[in-house]
Each structure stands twice: as structure tokens, then as C-alpha cells.
Amino acid sequence: MTHKHLREIPAVFYRTTGGTEPVLDWLRSLPSEDRRVIGTDLATVQFGWPIGMPLCRPLGGGLWEVRSTLASHRIARVLFFVDDGRIGVVHGFIKKTQKTPDGDLEIARKRMKEMKT
């Protein structure tokens, strides 16, 4: 029996020039149960990349989303990119509409560009 070697891809959270980490701050603001679900889903991506649906979906331009289903039928999205052997976690939000809001995509793309330079 062969064991697939699991190699974890490090996740790097977006940090502003002022040193704050908005995605981590957002995660910390959530109830612990929600944090646990999102953390587990993120770890699944780190150990199993590349992963497709239903957990991950490409948003175009190198941006992906992790789709987490939280308690009470809420849905969280964590947006990330994979580059240079790391996962850049750029944005997270609780999804209130069917479509990912353009504003959230804009934030994520801007942060991705900053992290890649």
C-alpha cells in the first residue's frame, strides 16, 4: 500500500503596510465554531492542493475561493491565490447573496497584486 506524501503548502495571510491582518482579524471576530469550520477547510486546501469543487472554485485571474458552510445555513468565503509555493489568503467574508459581490473581488485582486510584488 502506498501512502501519498502530504505536503502542506504554507498559508500566508495578507498584511497591510500598517501591519494589520484584515483576514485574520475577520476570522477572530467570528464565533469559534465558524472559525473551526473555516480553519479546517483552509487546512484541507493546504494539504490537498489542487482541489476543485465543491470546496474550491476558481474566480479567474488566479483567484480562488474556499467555500465553507457554517452553522445556521450561513456561507463563508475565503479568497486566495497560489503563487511561489504558498497560499496567499487575501479576503474573507460571510456571503449574503448568490453571487460574490464585485467589491469583495476588487479587494481580493488588489491585495493579491500587492502580495505578488
C-alpha atoms as a PDB file:
ATOM      1  CA  MET A   1       0.000   0.000   0.000  1.00  0.00           C
ATOM      2  CA  THR A   2       1.465   3.344  -0.981  1.00  0.00           C
ATOM      3  CA  HIS A   3       0.948   6.410   1.133  1.00  0.00           C
ATOM      4  CA  LYS A   4       0.617   9.678  -0.670  1.00  0.00           C
ATOM      5  CA  HIS A   5       3.006  12.090   0.962  1.00  0.00           C
ATOM      6  CA  LEU A   6       1.041  15.065   2.203  1.00  0.00           C
ATOM      7  CA  ARG A   7       2.933  18.255   1.780  1.00  0.00           C
ATOM      8  CA  GLU A   8       1.442  21.294   3.376  1.00  0.00           C
ATOM      9  CA  ILE A   9       1.513  24.489   1.368  1.00  0.00           C
ATOM     10  CA  PRO A  10       2.102  27.380   3.759  1.00  0.00           C
ATOM     11  CA  ALA A  11      -0.747  29.868   4.007  1.00  0.00           C
ATOM     12  CA  VAL A  12       0.298  33.487   4.207  1.00  0.00           C
ATOM     13  CA  PHE A  13      -2.313  35.993   5.311  1.00  0.00           C
ATOM     14  CA  TYR A  14      -2.485  39.392   3.671  1.00  0.00           C
ATOM     15  CA  ARG A  15      -0.900  42.124   5.779  1.00  0.00           C
ATOM     16  CA  THR A  16      -1.400  45.846   5.217  1.00  0.00           C
ATOM     17  CA  THR A  17       1.526  48.254   5.102  1.00  0.00           C
ATOM     18  CA  GLY A  18       0.393  49.312   8.569  1.00  0.00           C
ATOM     19  CA  GLY A  19       0.916  45.753   9.789  1.00  0.00           C
ATOM     20  CA  THR A  20      -2.714  44.738  10.324  1.00  0.00           C
ATOM     21  CA  GLU A  21      -4.015  41.424   9.021  1.00  0.00           C
ATOM     22  CA  PRO A  22      -7.625  42.057   7.975  1.00  0.00           C
ATOM     23  CA  VAL A  23      -8.418  38.429   7.104  1.00  0.00           C
ATOM     24  CA  LEU A  24      -7.134  37.163  10.456  1.00  0.00           C
ATOM     25  CA  ASP A  25      -8.988  39.968  12.250  1.00  0.00           C
ATOM     26  CA  TRP A  26     -12.163  38.948  10.432  1.00  0.00           C
ATOM     27  CA  LEU A  27     -11.628  35.292  11.380  1.00  0.00           C
ATOM     28  CA  ARG A  28     -11.058  36.236  15.029  1.00  0.00           C
ATOM     29  CA  SER A  29     -14.339  38.169  15.044  1.00  0.00           C
ATOM     30  CA  LEU A  30     -16.337  35.053  14.122  1.00  0.00           C
ATOM     31  CA  PRO A  31     -17.840  32.571  16.593  1.00  0.00           C
ATOM     32  CA  SER A  32     -15.373  29.789  17.448  1.00  0.00           C
ATOM     33  CA  GLU A  33     -17.463  27.152  15.677  1.00  0.00           C
ATOM     34  CA  ASP A  34     -17.337  29.168  12.423  1.00  0.00           C
ATOM     35  CA  ARG A  35     -13.600  29.695  12.854  1.00  0.00           C
ATOM     36  CA  ARG A  36     -13.118  25.952  13.287  1.00  0.00           C
ATOM     37  CA  VAL A  37     -15.044  25.127  10.086  1.00  0.00           C
ATOM     38  CA  ILE A  38     -13.157  27.727   8.026  1.00  0.00           C
ATOM     39  CA  GLY A  39      -9.817  26.676   9.530  1.00  0.00           C
ATOM     40  CA  THR A  40     -10.475  23.029   8.692  1.00  0.00           C
ATOM     41  CA  ASP A  41     -11.439  23.911   5.113  1.00  0.00           C
ATOM     42  CA  LEU A  42      -8.319  26.038   4.716  1.00  0.00           C
ATOM     43  CA  ALA A  43      -6.156  23.204   6.071  1.00  0.00           C
ATOM     44  CA  THR A  44      -7.785  20.834   3.545  1.00  0.00           C
ATOM     45  CA  VAL A  45      -6.658  23.188   0.782  1.00  0.00           C
ATOM     46  CA  GLN A  46      -3.145  23.450   2.242  1.00  0.00           C
ATOM     47  CA  PHE A  47      -2.707  19.675   2.351  1.00  0.00           C
ATOM     48  CA  GLY A  48      -4.640  18.717  -0.760  1.00  0.00           C
ATOM     49  CA  TRP A  49      -3.970  21.412  -3.333  1.00  0.00           C
ATOM     50  CA  PRO A  50      -5.077  21.439  -6.117  1.00  0.00           C
ATOM     51  CA  ILE A  51      -8.690  20.971  -5.049  1.00  0.00           C
ATOM     52  CA  GLY A  52     -11.785  21.594  -7.114  1.00  0.00           C
ATOM     53  CA  MET A  53     -15.473  21.819  -6.386  1.00  0.00           C
ATOM     54  CA  PRO A  54     -17.327  21.707  -4.096  1.00  0.00           C
ATOM     55  CA  LEU A  55     -14.690  23.133  -1.720  1.00  0.00           C
ATOM     56  CA  CYS A  56     -12.760  25.360  -4.122  1.00  0.00           C
ATOM     57  CA  ARG A  57     -13.839  27.313  -7.135  1.00  0.00           C
ATOM     58  CA  PRO A  58     -11.717  29.443  -9.472  1.00  0.00           C
ATOM     59  CA  LEU A  59     -12.789  33.076  -9.728  1.00  0.00           C
ATOM     60  CA  GLY A  60     -10.479  33.890 -12.640  1.00  0.00           C
ATOM     61  CA  GLY A  61      -7.171  35.689 -12.853  1.00  0.00           C
ATOM     62  CA  GLY A  62      -5.518  33.302 -10.409  1.00  0.00           C
ATOM     63  CA  LEU A  63      -8.011  33.974  -7.640  1.00  0.00           C
ATOM     64  CA  TRP A  64      -9.823  31.078  -5.922  1.00  0.00           C
ATOM     65  CA  GLU A  65     -12.428  30.782  -3.217  1.00  0.00           C
ATOM     66  CA  VAL A  66     -12.797  28.314  -0.365  1.00  0.00           C
ATOM     67  CA  ARG A  67     -16.481  27.651   0.189  1.00  0.00           C
ATOM     68  CA  SER A  68     -17.318  26.969   3.836  1.00  0.00           C
ATOM     69  CA  THR A  69     -20.780  26.105   5.065  1.00  0.00           C
ATOM     70  CA  LEU A  70     -21.292  27.446   8.578  1.00  0.00           C
ATOM     71  CA  ALA A  71     -23.932  26.707  11.166  1.00  0.00           C
ATOM     72  CA  SER A  72     -27.408  28.162  10.637  1.00  0.00           C
ATOM     73  CA  HIS A  73     -27.023  27.872   6.859  1.00  0.00           C
ATOM     74  CA  ARG A  74     -24.575  30.731   6.522  1.00  0.00           C
ATOM     75  CA  ILE A  75     -21.836  30.577   3.956  1.00  0.00           C
ATOM     76  CA  ALA A  76     -18.319  31.928   4.303  1.00  0.00           C
ATOM     77  CA  ARG A  77     -15.885  32.596   1.510  1.00  0.00           C
ATOM     78  CA  VAL A  78     -12.136  32.871   1.866  1.00  0.00           C
ATOM     79  CA  LEU A  79     -10.413  34.180  -1.258  1.00  0.00           C
ATOM     80  CA  PHE A  80      -6.854  33.135  -2.027  1.00  0.00           C
ATOM     81  CA  PHE A  81      -4.249  32.648  -4.719  1.00  0.00           C
ATOM     82  CA  VAL A  82      -1.440  30.135  -5.060  1.00  0.00           C
ATOM     83  CA  ASP A  83       1.916  31.532  -6.072  1.00  0.00           C
ATOM     84  CA  ASP A  84       5.529  30.693  -5.449  1.00  0.00           C
ATOM     85  CA  GLY A  85       4.717  27.627  -3.338  1.00  0.00           C
ATOM     86  CA  ARG A  86       2.409  29.455  -0.948  1.00  0.00           C
ATOM     87  CA  ILE A  87      -1.256  30.207  -0.497  1.00  0.00           C
ATOM     88  CA  GLY A  88      -1.931  33.917  -0.237  1.00  0.00           C
ATOM     89  CA  VAL A  89      -5.105  34.427   1.784  1.00  0.00           C
ATOM     90  CA  VAL A  90      -6.394  37.829   0.716  1.00  0.00           C
ATOM     91  CA  HIS A  91     -10.003  38.199   1.823  1.00  0.00           C
ATOM     92  CA  GLY A  92     -12.822  36.603   3.769  1.00  0.00           C
ATOM     93  CA  PHE A  93     -16.488  37.404   4.195  1.00  0.00           C
ATOM     94  CA  ILE A  94     -19.880  35.939   5.030  1.00  0.00           C
ATOM     95  CA  LYS A  95     -21.775  35.543   1.803  1.00  0.00           C
ATOM     96  CA  LYS A  96     -25.202  37.139   1.756  1.00  0.00           C
ATOM     97  CA  THR A  97     -26.029  36.884  -1.930  1.00  0.00           C
ATOM     98  CA  GLN A  98     -25.768  34.186  -4.590  1.00  0.00           C
ATOM     99  CA  LYS A  99     -23.011  35.999  -6.444  1.00  0.00           C
ATOM    100  CA  THR A 100     -19.724  37.075  -4.899  1.00  0.00           C
ATOM    101  CA  PRO A 101     -20.025  40.897  -4.667  1.00  0.00           C
ATOM    102  CA  ASP A 102     -17.746  42.847  -7.029  1.00  0.00           C
ATOM    103  CA  GLY A 103     -16.458  44.911  -4.114  1.00  0.00           C
ATOM    104  CA  ASP A 104     -15.146  41.776  -2.424  1.00  0.00           C
ATOM    105  CA  LEU A 105     -13.477  40.619  -5.635  1.00  0.00           C
ATOM    106  CA  GLU A 106     -11.890  44.028  -6.085  1.00  0.00           C
ATOM    107  CA  ILE A 107     -10.434  43.971  -2.569  1.00  0.00           C
ATOM    108  CA  ALA A 108      -9.085  40.455  -3.143  1.00  0.00           C
ATOM    109  CA  ARG A 109      -7.497  41.301  -6.512  1.00  0.00           C
ATOM    110  CA  LYS A 110      -5.868  44.437  -5.159  1.00  0.00           C
ATOM    111  CA  ARG A 111      -4.385  42.532  -2.214  1.00  0.00           C
ATOM    112  CA  MET A 112      -3.233  39.700  -4.466  1.00  0.00           C
ATOM    113  CA  LYS A 113      -1.364  42.196  -6.628  1.00  0.00           C
ATOM    114  CA  GLU A 114       0.290  43.695  -3.537  1.00  0.00           C
ATOM    115  CA  MET A 115       1.340  40.299  -2.231  1.00  0.00           C
ATOM    116  CA  LYS A 116       2.793  39.182  -5.561  1.00  0.00           C
ATOM    117  CA  THR A 117       5.107  42.183  -5.955  1.00  0.00           C
END
